[in-house]
Amino acid sequence: MTALEKQIKVKSVLYDMCKYGDGCSECEFFNPEDSVYDEFFCHIRDSKNLIPFDDEWDIESAMISD
């Protein structure tokens, strides 16, 4: 499996967790101090402040350390 294929699969898994999971508070990436949106609290935002649930979420920029 190539690096690109791995990124696509990881992005898909995270999307499914966000969409079908029990909620942000149960997620490993839960961030109670995140105030970007009223609904989501996420440590794994990308450079545009999108979360994995967003179709345009960029996994590469999300993986860069703050």
PDB file of N, CA and C in Angstrom:
ATOM      1  N   MET A   1       0.858  -1.181   0.000  1.00  0.00           N
ATOM      2  CA  MET A   1       0.000   0.000   0.000  1.00  0.00           C
ATOM      3  C   MET A   1       0.900   1.238   0.000  1.00  0.00           C
ATOM      4  N   THR A   2       0.613   2.155  -0.881  1.00  0.00           N
ATOM      5  CA  THR A   2       1.408   3.380  -0.975  1.00  0.00           C
ATOM      6  C   THR A   2       1.005   4.359   0.126  1.00  0.00           C
ATOM      7  N   ALA A   3       1.841   5.387   0.312  1.00  0.00           N
ATOM      8  CA  ALA A   3       1.543   6.416   1.311  1.00  0.00           C
ATOM      9  C   ALA A   3       0.227   7.122   0.984  1.00  0.00           C
ATOM     10  N   LEU A   4      -0.011   7.382  -0.293  1.00  0.00           N
ATOM     11  CA  LEU A   4      -1.257   8.034  -0.695  1.00  0.00           C
ATOM     12  C   LEU A   4      -2.456   7.151  -0.390  1.00  0.00           C
ATOM     13  N   GLU A   5      -2.340   5.859  -0.685  1.00  0.00           N
ATOM     14  CA  GLU A   5      -3.443   4.933  -0.391  1.00  0.00           C
ATOM     15  C   GLU A   5      -3.723   4.885   1.111  1.00  0.00           C
ATOM     16  N   LYS A   6      -2.668   4.912   1.917  1.00  0.00           N
ATOM     17  CA  LYS A   6      -2.837   4.918   3.375  1.00  0.00           C
ATOM     18  C   LYS A   6      -3.553   6.186   3.834  1.00  0.00           C
ATOM     19  N   GLN A   7      -3.156   7.334   3.288  1.00  0.00           N
ATOM     20  CA  GLN A   7      -3.802   8.586   3.656  1.00  0.00           C
ATOM     21  C   GLN A   7      -5.284   8.565   3.301  1.00  0.00           C
ATOM     22  N   ILE A   8      -5.610   8.024   2.151  1.00  0.00           N
ATOM     23  CA  ILE A   8      -7.011   7.947   1.721  1.00  0.00           C
ATOM     24  C   ILE A   8      -7.804   7.065   2.670  1.00  0.00           C
ATOM     25  N   LYS A   9      -7.244   5.930   3.065  1.00  0.00           N
ATOM     26  CA  LYS A   9      -7.934   5.022   3.990  1.00  0.00           C
ATOM     27  C   LYS A   9      -8.092   5.642   5.368  1.00  0.00           C
ATOM     28  N   VAL A  10      -7.037   6.295   5.873  1.00  0.00           N
ATOM     29  CA  VAL A  10      -7.121   6.944   7.188  1.00  0.00           C
ATOM     30  C   VAL A  10      -8.169   8.048   7.158  1.00  0.00           C
ATOM     31  N   LYS A  11      -8.188   8.833   6.092  1.00  0.00           N
ATOM     32  CA  LYS A  11      -9.181   9.896   5.956  1.00  0.00           C
ATOM     33  C   LYS A  11     -10.585   9.313   5.955  1.00  0.00           C
ATOM     34  N   SER A  12     -10.776   8.206   5.272  1.00  0.00           N
ATOM     35  CA  SER A  12     -12.080   7.546   5.217  1.00  0.00           C
ATOM     36  C   SER A  12     -12.510   7.041   6.593  1.00  0.00           C
ATOM     37  N   VAL A  13     -11.577   6.431   7.321  1.00  0.00           N
ATOM     38  CA  VAL A  13     -11.892   5.916   8.657  1.00  0.00           C
ATOM     39  C   VAL A  13     -12.267   7.062   9.600  1.00  0.00           C
ATOM     40  N   LEU A  14     -11.498   8.136   9.563  1.00  0.00           N
ATOM     41  CA  LEU A  14     -11.803   9.282  10.424  1.00  0.00           C
ATOM     42  C   LEU A  14     -13.143   9.905  10.061  1.00  0.00           C
ATOM     43  N   TYR A  15     -13.431   9.996   8.770  1.00  0.00           N
ATOM     44  CA  TYR A  15     -14.719  10.529   8.332  1.00  0.00           C
ATOM     45  C   TYR A  15     -15.859   9.679   8.895  1.00  0.00           C
ATOM     46  N   ASP A  16     -15.725   8.367   8.776  1.00  0.00           N
ATOM     47  CA  ASP A  16     -16.768   7.468   9.293  1.00  0.00           C
ATOM     48  C   ASP A  16     -16.922   7.600  10.799  1.00  0.00           C
ATOM     49  N   MET A  17     -15.802   7.755  11.510  1.00  0.00           N
ATOM     50  CA  MET A  17     -15.874   7.939  12.965  1.00  0.00           C
ATOM     51  C   MET A  17     -16.646   9.213  13.298  1.00  0.00           C
ATOM     52  N   CYS A  18     -16.366  10.281  12.568  1.00  0.00           N
ATOM     53  CA  CYS A  18     -17.046  11.562  12.820  1.00  0.00           C
ATOM     54  C   CYS A  18     -18.530  11.476  12.471  1.00  0.00           C
ATOM     55  N   LYS A  19     -18.827  10.835  11.365  1.00  0.00           N
ATOM     56  CA  LYS A  19     -20.211  10.800  10.885  1.00  0.00           C
ATOM     57  C   LYS A  19     -21.076   9.818  11.654  1.00  0.00           C
ATOM     58  N   TYR A  20     -20.534   8.646  11.957  1.00  0.00           N
ATOM     59  CA  TYR A  20     -21.354   7.586  12.531  1.00  0.00           C
ATOM     60  C   TYR A  20     -21.014   7.259  13.980  1.00  0.00           C
ATOM     61  N   GLY A  21     -20.050   7.943  14.548  1.00  0.00           N
ATOM     62  CA  GLY A  21     -19.636   7.674  15.928  1.00  0.00           C
ATOM     63  C   GLY A  21     -20.653   8.169  16.942  1.00  0.00           C
ATOM     64  N   ASP A  22     -20.334   7.953  18.197  1.00  0.00           N
ATOM     65  CA  ASP A  22     -21.238   8.331  19.291  1.00  0.00           C
ATOM     66  C   ASP A  22     -21.121   9.791  19.691  1.00  0.00           C
ATOM     67  N   GLY A  23     -20.270  10.518  19.039  1.00  0.00           N
ATOM     68  CA  GLY A  23     -20.134  11.931  19.356  1.00  0.00           C
ATOM     69  C   GLY A  23     -18.694  12.311  19.643  1.00  0.00           C
ATOM     70  N   CYS A  24     -18.443  13.585  19.577  1.00  0.00           N
ATOM     71  CA  CYS A  24     -17.080  14.089  19.736  1.00  0.00           C
ATOM     72  C   CYS A  24     -16.485  13.731  21.095  1.00  0.00           C
ATOM     73  N   SER A  25     -17.270  13.780  22.143  1.00  0.00           N
ATOM     74  CA  SER A  25     -16.720  13.559  23.475  1.00  0.00           C
ATOM     75  C   SER A  25     -16.140  12.160  23.656  1.00  0.00           C
ATOM     76  N   GLU A  26     -16.514  11.209  22.803  1.00  0.00           N
ATOM     77  CA  GLU A  26     -15.984   9.847  22.868  1.00  0.00           C
ATOM     78  C   GLU A  26     -14.748   9.657  21.983  1.00  0.00           C
ATOM     79  N   CYS A  27     -14.388  10.653  21.199  1.00  0.00           N
ATOM     80  CA  CYS A  27     -13.301  10.557  20.233  1.00  0.00           C
ATOM     81  C   CYS A  27     -11.947  10.841  20.890  1.00  0.00           C
ATOM     82  N   GLU A  28     -10.907  10.176  20.388  1.00  0.00           N
ATOM     83  CA  GLU A  28      -9.542  10.401  20.881  1.00  0.00           C
ATOM     84  C   GLU A  28      -9.034  11.804  20.546  1.00  0.00           C
ATOM     85  N   PHE A  29      -9.637  12.451  19.563  1.00  0.00           N
ATOM     86  CA  PHE A  29      -9.212  13.790  19.162  1.00  0.00           C
ATOM     87  C   PHE A  29     -10.072  14.887  19.785  1.00  0.00           C
ATOM     88  N   PHE A  30     -10.909  14.540  20.747  1.00  0.00           N
ATOM     89  CA  PHE A  30     -11.782  15.510  21.409  1.00  0.00           C
ATOM     90  C   PHE A  30     -10.948  16.610  22.066  1.00  0.00           C
ATOM     91  N   ASN A  31     -11.347  17.848  21.852  1.00  0.00           N
ATOM     92  CA  ASN A  31     -10.657  19.009  22.417  1.00  0.00           C
ATOM     93  C   ASN A  31     -11.698  19.940  23.041  1.00  0.00           C
ATOM     94  N   PRO A  32     -11.910  19.863  24.345  1.00  0.00           N
ATOM     95  CA  PRO A  32     -12.945  20.678  24.982  1.00  0.00           C
ATOM     96  C   PRO A  32     -12.689  22.179  24.909  1.00  0.00           C
ATOM     97  N   GLU A  33     -11.464  22.573  24.560  1.00  0.00           N
ATOM     98  CA  GLU A  33     -11.131  23.997  24.473  1.00  0.00           C
ATOM     99  C   GLU A  33     -11.311  24.568  23.071  1.00  0.00           C
ATOM    100  N   ASP A  34     -11.735  23.747  22.124  1.00  0.00           N
ATOM    101  CA  ASP A  34     -11.922  24.182  20.745  1.00  0.00           C
ATOM    102  C   ASP A  34     -13.224  24.972  20.632  1.00  0.00           C
ATOM    103  N   SER A  35     -13.129  26.187  20.142  1.00  0.00           N
ATOM    104  CA  SER A  35     -14.328  27.017  20.019  1.00  0.00           C
ATOM    105  C   SER A  35     -14.551  27.477  18.578  1.00  0.00           C
ATOM    106  N   VAL A  36     -14.007  26.743  17.593  1.00  0.00           N
ATOM    107  CA  VAL A  36     -14.161  27.139  16.195  1.00  0.00           C
ATOM    108  C   VAL A  36     -15.615  27.018  15.766  1.00  0.00           C
ATOM    109  N   TYR A  37     -16.267  25.933  16.170  1.00  0.00           N
ATOM    110  CA  TYR A  37     -17.689  25.745  15.898  1.00  0.00           C
ATOM    111  C   TYR A  37     -18.380  25.452  17.224  1.00  0.00           C
ATOM    112  N   ASP A  38     -19.671  25.704  17.294  1.00  0.00           N
ATOM    113  CA  ASP A  38     -20.412  25.394  18.511  1.00  0.00           C
ATOM    114  C   ASP A  38     -20.629  23.892  18.670  1.00  0.00           C
ATOM    115  N   GLU A  39     -20.580  23.147  17.564  1.00  0.00           N
ATOM    116  CA  GLU A  39     -20.946  21.737  17.580  1.00  0.00           C
ATOM    117  C   GLU A  39     -19.760  20.790  17.714  1.00  0.00           C
ATOM    118  N   PHE A  40     -18.604  21.153  17.141  1.00  0.00           N
ATOM    119  CA  PHE A  40     -17.461  20.246  17.099  1.00  0.00           C
ATOM    120  C   PHE A  40     -16.316  20.740  17.970  1.00  0.00           C
ATOM    121  N   PHE A  41     -15.609  19.813  18.565  1.00  0.00           N
ATOM    122  CA  PHE A  41     -14.463  20.118  19.412  1.00  0.00           C
ATOM    123  C   PHE A  41     -13.349  19.154  18.996  1.00  0.00           C
ATOM    124  N   CYS A  42     -12.467  19.602  18.105  1.00  0.00           N
ATOM    125  CA  CYS A  42     -11.567  18.664  17.436  1.00  0.00           C
ATOM    126  C   CYS A  42     -10.111  19.128  17.443  1.00  0.00           C
ATOM    127  N   HIS A  43      -9.205  18.211  17.843  1.00  0.00           N
ATOM    128  CA  HIS A  43      -7.766  18.474  17.821  1.00  0.00           C
ATOM    129  C   HIS A  43      -7.154  18.221  16.451  1.00  0.00           C
ATOM    130  N   ILE A  44      -7.877  17.635  15.538  1.00  0.00           N
ATOM    131  CA  ILE A  44      -7.285  17.228  14.267  1.00  0.00           C
ATOM    132  C   ILE A  44      -7.809  18.079  13.101  1.00  0.00           C
ATOM    133  N   ARG A  45      -7.898  19.358  13.347  1.00  0.00           N
ATOM    134  CA  ARG A  45      -8.312  20.300  12.304  1.00  0.00           C
ATOM    135  C   ARG A  45      -7.186  20.492  11.296  1.00  0.00           C
ATOM    136  N   ASP A  46      -7.577  20.801  10.073  1.00  0.00           N
ATOM    137  CA  ASP A  46      -6.559  21.069   9.055  1.00  0.00           C
ATOM    138  C   ASP A  46      -6.249  22.567   9.023  1.00  0.00           C
ATOM    139  N   SER A  47      -5.492  23.005   8.031  1.00  0.00           N
ATOM    140  CA  SER A  47      -5.075  24.410   7.956  1.00  0.00           C
ATOM    141  C   SER A  47      -6.240  25.372   7.729  1.00  0.00           C
ATOM    142  N   LYS A  48      -7.381  24.848   7.278  1.00  0.00           N
ATOM    143  CA  LYS A  48      -8.571  25.684   7.068  1.00  0.00           C
ATOM    144  C   LYS A  48      -9.575  25.536   8.212  1.00  0.00           C
ATOM    145  N   ASN A  49      -9.147  24.916   9.313  1.00  0.00           N
ATOM    146  CA  ASN A  49      -9.988  24.647  10.487  1.00  0.00           C
ATOM    147  C   ASN A  49     -11.117  23.663  10.211  1.00  0.00           C
ATOM    148  N   LEU A  50     -10.957  22.836   9.190  1.00  0.00           N
ATOM    149  CA  LEU A  50     -11.948  21.803   8.901  1.00  0.00           C
ATOM    150  C   LEU A  50     -11.640  20.549   9.716  1.00  0.00           C
ATOM    151  N   ILE A  51     -12.671  19.765   9.996  1.00  0.00           N
ATOM    152  CA  ILE A  51     -12.513  18.507  10.716  1.00  0.00           C
ATOM    153  C   ILE A  51     -12.681  17.345   9.742  1.00  0.00           C
ATOM    154  N   PRO A  52     -12.312  16.107  10.138  1.00  0.00           N
ATOM    155  CA  PRO A  52     -12.405  14.981   9.205  1.00  0.00           C
ATOM    156  C   PRO A  52     -13.792  14.759   8.620  1.00  0.00           C
ATOM    157  N   PHE A  53     -14.833  15.215   9.267  1.00  0.00           N
ATOM    158  CA  PHE A  53     -16.193  15.071   8.760  1.00  0.00           C
ATOM    159  C   PHE A  53     -16.425  15.896   7.492  1.00  0.00           C
ATOM    160  N   ASP A  54     -15.647  16.971   7.319  1.00  0.00           N
ATOM    161  CA  ASP A  54     -15.788  17.822   6.136  1.00  0.00           C
ATOM    162  C   ASP A  54     -15.139  17.156   4.927  1.00  0.00           C
ATOM    163  N   ASP A  55     -15.837  17.159   3.783  1.00  0.00           N
ATOM    164  CA  ASP A  55     -15.316  16.534   2.568  1.00  0.00           C
ATOM    165  C   ASP A  55     -13.995  17.145   2.121  1.00  0.00           C
ATOM    166  N   GLU A  56     -13.796  18.412   2.370  1.00  0.00           N
ATOM    167  CA  GLU A  56     -12.598  19.116   1.924  1.00  0.00           C
ATOM    168  C   GLU A  56     -11.452  19.035   2.933  1.00  0.00           C
ATOM    169  N   TRP A  57     -11.620  18.269   4.019  1.00  0.00           N
ATOM    170  CA  TRP A  57     -10.599  18.157   5.048  1.00  0.00           C
ATOM    171  C   TRP A  57      -9.285  17.666   4.443  1.00  0.00           C
ATOM    172  N   ASP A  58      -8.187  18.355   4.778  1.00  0.00           N
ATOM    173  CA  ASP A  58      -6.871  18.038   4.223  1.00  0.00           C
ATOM    174  C   ASP A  58      -6.038  17.316   5.275  1.00  0.00           C
ATOM    175  N   ILE A  59      -5.892  16.011   5.105  1.00  0.00           N
ATOM    176  CA  ILE A  59      -5.181  15.194   6.084  1.00  0.00           C
ATOM    177  C   ILE A  59      -3.735  15.628   6.236  1.00  0.00           C
ATOM    178  N   GLU A  60      -3.080  16.038   5.147  1.00  0.00           N
ATOM    179  CA  GLU A  60      -1.668  16.427   5.237  1.00  0.00           C
ATOM    180  C   GLU A  60      -1.488  17.625   6.148  1.00  0.00           C
ATOM    181  N   SER A  61      -2.287  18.666   5.984  1.00  0.00           N
ATOM    182  CA  SER A  61      -2.103  19.839   6.833  1.00  0.00           C
ATOM    183  C   SER A  61      -2.599  19.569   8.259  1.00  0.00           C
ATOM    184  N   ALA A  62      -3.512  18.646   8.429  1.00  0.00           N
ATOM    185  CA  ALA A  62      -3.987  18.295   9.765  1.00  0.00           C
ATOM    186  C   ALA A  62      -2.917  17.560  10.565  1.00  0.00           C
ATOM    187  N   MET A  63      -2.021  16.852   9.886  1.00  0.00           N
ATOM    188  CA  MET A  63      -0.989  16.081  10.566  1.00  0.00           C
ATOM    189  C   MET A  63       0.232  16.900  10.943  1.00  0.00           C
ATOM    190  N   ILE A  64       0.311  18.134  10.481  1.00  0.00           N
ATOM    191  CA  ILE A  64       1.448  19.001  10.826  1.00  0.00           C
ATOM    192  C   ILE A  64       1.269  19.498  12.249  1.00  0.00           C
ATOM    193  N   SER A  65       2.327  19.443  13.020  1.00  0.00           N
ATOM    194  CA  SER A  65       2.273  19.873  14.414  1.00  0.00           C
ATOM    195  C   SER A  65       2.006  21.369  14.520  1.00  0.00           C
ATOM    196  N   ASP A  66       1.290  21.752  15.556  1.00  0.00           N
ATOM    197  CA  ASP A  66       0.979  23.174  15.783  1.00  0.00           C
ATOM    198  C   ASP A  66       2.207  23.938  16.213  1.00  0.00           C
TER     199      ASP A  66
END
